[in-house]
C-alpha atoms as a PDB file:
ATOM      1  CA  UNK A   1    -210.148 -98.800 -42.017  1.00  0.00           C
ATOM      2  CA  UNK A   2    -206.472 -99.698 -41.757  1.00  0.00           C
ATOM      3  CA  UNK A   3    -203.745 -97.136 -42.115  1.00  0.00           C
ATOM      4  CA  UNK A   4    -201.375 -97.904 -44.998  1.00  0.00           C
ATOM      5  CA  UNK A   5    -197.733 -98.562 -44.163  1.00  0.00           C
ATOM      6  CA  UNK A   6    -195.009 -97.015 -46.321  1.00  0.00           C
ATOM      7  CA  UNK A   7    -191.367 -98.106 -46.429  1.00  0.00           C
ATOM      8  CA  UNK A   8    -188.553 -96.614 -48.461  1.00  0.00           C
ATOM      9  CA  UNK A   9    -185.420 -98.242 -49.806  1.00  0.00           C
ATOM     10  CA  UNK A  10    -182.645 -97.585 -52.320  1.00  0.00           C
ATOM     11  CA  UNK A  11    -182.085-100.120 -55.099  1.00  0.00           C
ATOM     12  CA  UNK A  12    -178.705-100.280 -56.844  1.00  0.00           C
ATOM     13  CA  UNK A  13    -177.904-101.591 -60.309  1.00  0.00           C
ATOM     14  CA  UNK A  14    -181.014-100.474 -62.211  1.00  0.00           C
ATOM     15  CA  UNK A  15    -180.243 -98.928 -65.620  1.00  0.00           C
ATOM     16  CA  UNK A  16    -183.498 -98.900 -67.606  1.00  0.00           C
ATOM     17  CA  UNK A  17    -187.294 -99.141 -67.507  1.00  0.00           C
ATOM     18  CA  UNK A  18    -187.082-102.922 -67.771  1.00  0.00           C
ATOM     19  CA  UNK A  19    -185.136-102.914 -64.494  1.00  0.00           C
ATOM     20  CA  UNK A  20    -187.893-100.837 -62.893  1.00  0.00           C
ATOM     21  CA  UNK A  21    -190.557-103.231 -64.191  1.00  0.00           C
ATOM     22  CA  UNK A  22    -188.663-106.280 -62.863  1.00  0.00           C
ATOM     23  CA  UNK A  23    -188.310-104.779 -59.368  1.00  0.00           C
ATOM     24  CA  UNK A  24    -191.952-103.641 -59.351  1.00  0.00           C
ATOM     25  CA  UNK A  25    -193.204-107.078 -60.385  1.00  0.00           C
ATOM     26  CA  UNK A  26    -191.233-108.898 -57.676  1.00  0.00           C
ATOM     27  CA  UNK A  27    -192.256-106.450 -54.901  1.00  0.00           C
ATOM     28  CA  UNK A  28    -195.935-106.750 -55.890  1.00  0.00           C
ATOM     29  CA  UNK A  29    -195.698-110.475 -55.094  1.00  0.00           C
ATOM     30  CA  UNK A  30    -195.170-109.714 -51.389  1.00  0.00           C
ATOM     31  CA  UNK A  31    -198.300-110.311 -49.313  1.00  0.00           C
ATOM     32  CA  UNK A  32    -200.050-107.101 -48.327  1.00  0.00           C
ATOM     33  CA  UNK A  33    -198.318-104.810 -50.828  1.00  0.00           C
ATOM     34  CA  UNK A  34    -200.807-102.360 -52.366  1.00  0.00           C
ATOM     35  CA  UNK A  35    -198.495-100.005 -54.298  1.00  0.00           C
ATOM     36  CA  UNK A  36    -194.896 -99.907 -55.562  1.00  0.00           C
ATOM     37  CA  UNK A  37    -193.129 -96.799 -56.797  1.00  0.00           C
ATOM     38  CA  UNK A  38    -189.624 -97.049 -58.295  1.00  0.00           C
ATOM     39  CA  UNK A  39    -187.583 -94.038 -59.420  1.00  0.00           C
ATOM     40  CA  UNK A  40    -184.944 -95.104 -61.919  1.00  0.00           C
ATOM     41  CA  UNK A  41    -182.793 -91.973 -61.587  1.00  0.00           C
ATOM     42  CA  UNK A  42    -182.398 -92.088 -57.811  1.00  0.00           C
ATOM     43  CA  UNK A  43    -182.985 -95.806 -57.236  1.00  0.00           C
ATOM     44  CA  UNK A  44    -185.690 -94.918 -54.705  1.00  0.00           C
ATOM     45  CA  UNK A  45    -188.178 -97.679 -53.962  1.00  0.00           C
ATOM     46  CA  UNK A  46    -191.335 -96.873 -52.030  1.00  0.00           C
ATOM     47  CA  UNK A  47    -193.525 -99.787 -50.900  1.00  0.00           C
ATOM     48  CA  UNK A  48    -197.045 -99.153 -49.604  1.00  0.00           C
ATOM     49  CA  UNK A  49    -198.828-101.992 -47.884  1.00  0.00           C
ATOM     50  CA  UNK A  50    -201.849-102.834 -45.792  1.00  0.00           C
ATOM     51  CA  UNK A  51    -199.592-104.251 -43.066  1.00  0.00           C
ATOM     52  CA  UNK A  52    -195.912-103.780 -42.169  1.00  0.00           C
ATOM     53  CA  UNK A  53    -193.681-105.469 -44.753  1.00  0.00           C
ATOM     54  CA  UNK A  54    -190.637-107.426 -43.612  1.00  0.00           C
ATOM     55  CA  UNK A  55    -187.441-105.774 -44.847  1.00  0.00           C
ATOM     56  CA  UNK A  56    -185.969-109.205 -45.600  1.00  0.00           C
ATOM     57  CA  UNK A  57    -188.927-109.977 -47.870  1.00  0.00           C
ATOM     58  CA  UNK A  58    -188.242-106.780 -49.775  1.00  0.00           C
ATOM     59  CA  UNK A  59    -184.519-107.596 -49.959  1.00  0.00           C
ATOM     60  CA  UNK A  60    -185.288-111.101 -51.251  1.00  0.00           C
ATOM     61  CA  UNK A  61    -187.680-109.738 -53.898  1.00  0.00           C
ATOM     62  CA  UNK A  62    -185.114-107.150 -55.089  1.00  0.00           C
ATOM     63  CA  UNK A  63    -182.460-109.907 -55.164  1.00  0.00           C
ATOM     64  CA  UNK A  64    -184.838-112.108 -57.198  1.00  0.00           C
ATOM     65  CA  UNK A  65    -185.190-109.287 -59.717  1.00  0.00           C
ATOM     66  CA  UNK A  66    -181.406-109.197 -60.027  1.00  0.00           C
ATOM     67  CA  UNK A  67    -180.602-106.056 -58.040  1.00  0.00           C
ATOM     68  CA  UNK A  68    -179.515-105.084 -54.541  1.00  0.00           C
ATOM     69  CA  UNK A  69    -180.754-102.850 -51.743  1.00  0.00           C
ATOM     70  CA  UNK A  70    -178.194-100.217 -50.744  1.00  0.00           C
END
């Protein structure tokens, strides 16, 4: 059994639940991602994956959703 990897980030620019859904959808497209948690109030993004996720892949996915990593 593999140990899950968890990475945390801060996303800026989100203002509503639609923003959260957009970020979540883009992050879920990254290979190996098994869970995405986004907190609108704090901007916290927690990515759980079966393998280490490249920070640049996360940044690109957040950018694609229209937001930025802090």
